Amino acid sequence: MFEKIVYISNSSANIKISGEINTSLMNMHVILEDNGRRIVASVEDIDGDVVKVNFQGEFVNNKFIGGVIRKPSLNSKIRIITKEELDLVIGDNNSETSMYLGKSPLYDDVDVRVNVNDLFSNHFAEFGNTGSGKSYGVARLLQNVFTGVQPFKSNFMIFDAYGEYHNAFKELNKINPDFNFKYYTTNFNDTEGELLRIPLWLMTVDDFALLLRAENHSQIPIIERMLKLASIFSESDEQALKYKNHLIAKALMTILYTNQSSPSKRNDIYSLLASCSTNEFNTEAVVQGVGYTRKFRECLIIDKEGQFVESILITQYIASFIDEELDRYEAKQANYFTLDDLEKALNFTLISEGLLRNDKAYNDAITLKVRLHALAISPSAKYFTYPRYIDINSYISSLVACSNGRKAQIINFNLEDIDDSLAKTITKIYTKMLFDFTKRLKVRASIPFHIFLEEAHRYVQNDTDNFLLGYNIFERVAKEGRKYGLIFNLISQRPVEISETVISQVSNFMIFKMNHPRDLEYIRKMLPNISSEIVEMQKTLQPGTCVAFGKAFKVPIIIKMDLPNPEPTSSNCDVLNRWK
């Protein structure tokens, strides 16, 4: 069939063939033998009696090495790859380090196996149109892991945009009683899952900036102050009360020493006490004079000269609560607090730090106050209502612990019932929480976590985080997470909408059928190891079949994934039966 090489370029060769043209050669591999060297090439194009092949690598000491430095000669012998050679190219026969992935439709359904570390120690992406088999591919991939490996200590966190994966993994323990699936839900009526809840005190300033949709840097110190006060006030001891009175007293003194008229001062004082009050500071609080008492509001009665009738008494009373040493007071430890506590702390923040006399800062704080209150009175408040105090290590342990006391290997967060904005914030909070946790481990990467982001284009975007916080947590994990054992798996039908920084750090790809020219061009532009041949290859794929390439794959290869069992709930609507 193959006669001779008629042309060689840096990455390909043209081979003259004779006899009947066999179009089934497309995408198959051939061997170019030259002076004891065996170079592997894949068939890219057939034009008349000429076949174009692309160099993929060569065999060295009976091992396949990707890439070809020295090209074959024009006199090379050409033949189809053998079954034994194919196993070295598309398989990994070490049963202890490899797993079954799928079958090769080009080679009579030969098994395709991959090295587990090469696949799961690096960021991974699955792209494809809706209906191309992405969700089935993800479900089958993980099912293969649990049937082919023994991942008892694995932590697969799936952020599920549509609630598709629950059905695929709910019977995980049928594979092995020590395998468990845990399901978090955002649906208040879903009794099968555990309601997703995040402890507020475990969230950082950056988390709250995202949750409250902060827009500029001046709002960050306000959030920092709010969190500090919330933690202090939750300590309900005498020192915390003194601190509250100290803050109110300082704010009241600021009002008293302004150039406003007495009626304006009184209005400001009443407004302040309406939002921040204690037993010592409210309109009915008793103010002790020499031989007599007045209620706080009675001290603010205005006489004929336009002055407070008890200006000296009220000033002395307020000043008695000011203790400059308290400005350095910090909470003794991290403490439990609620959204209501945060609202109160933000009210105290509004009266401190000079915000009352700074229109810009005050308006920034009011914006945060409105958004915090909207969250506190919304149904979404339940997602941030945790029943008791818990520290970060215990909380992460609780995420992977089942009610029966066993460990869960797959943890599914169903985000179907919340809007994209909140879903993005929640995925960022969890990603940062896991990133900080893995960085603190004494033994680096000793507890791997794999974050699966379904519909990743909704979350992993080029948004304003870099401007506001100086970083985007998805980009930081993409660049640094691998060495700490925090690995991304991105699942998307619109890679063009995903952050370029994140995509550039992905090492392995499974590309299902894609048609949109912008997505195809984006993949071609962003990935230096993808060729036009790979892009063209995926255009004719059947559902459930993908082009796989990257660090875990010695050559780009077409893989037909087995149907998952059970299947995820991602099939199309049965319109005909519904109509009937």
Foldseek 3Di string as FASTA:
>chain_A
DWDWWDDDDPWKTKTFADDDDDPLQAQFWKWWAAPNWTWIWHFQDDDPRITMTTTFFTADPNATFGDDDDDHDRHTDMDGDDPSNVCRFFHDPPLQFKWWQFFFPSPVGHTGIWGPCLAQLAFEEEAAAALQAQQQSVLLRVVRCVLRHPPLQAAEEEAAQAQFCCLSCCVVCVSPVQAHEAEEECDPPDPVHHHAADAPLLFDLLLLCLLLVQDAQLCSVLSVQLSFLLQLCLVPDPLSVLLLLQLLLVLLVVLVPDPDFLVVSLVVLQVLCVLRHDCCDDQQRWQDDVVDIDGNVQQSDADPVRGRPNVVSNNVSSVVSHDPVSVPDTRPDRDGDALVSSLSSLSSSCSPPCNVVPVVSNVSSVSSNVSSVVCCPDPVSRNHDDPHDDDLVVVVQVQQADPVRRGHNYYYYHPNPDDLSVSLSVVQRVLVSVQVVLVPDPDALPRAYEYEYAQCLSHQAPDCCCVHPVDRSLLVCLVPVSRRRYYYYYYHHACLGHDLSNVLSGFKYWYAAHDDPSRLVSCPVSDPPDDVSQSVVRNPHHRQWTFIDGSRRSGTGIGRGDRRVVGTPSDDDPVVVVVD
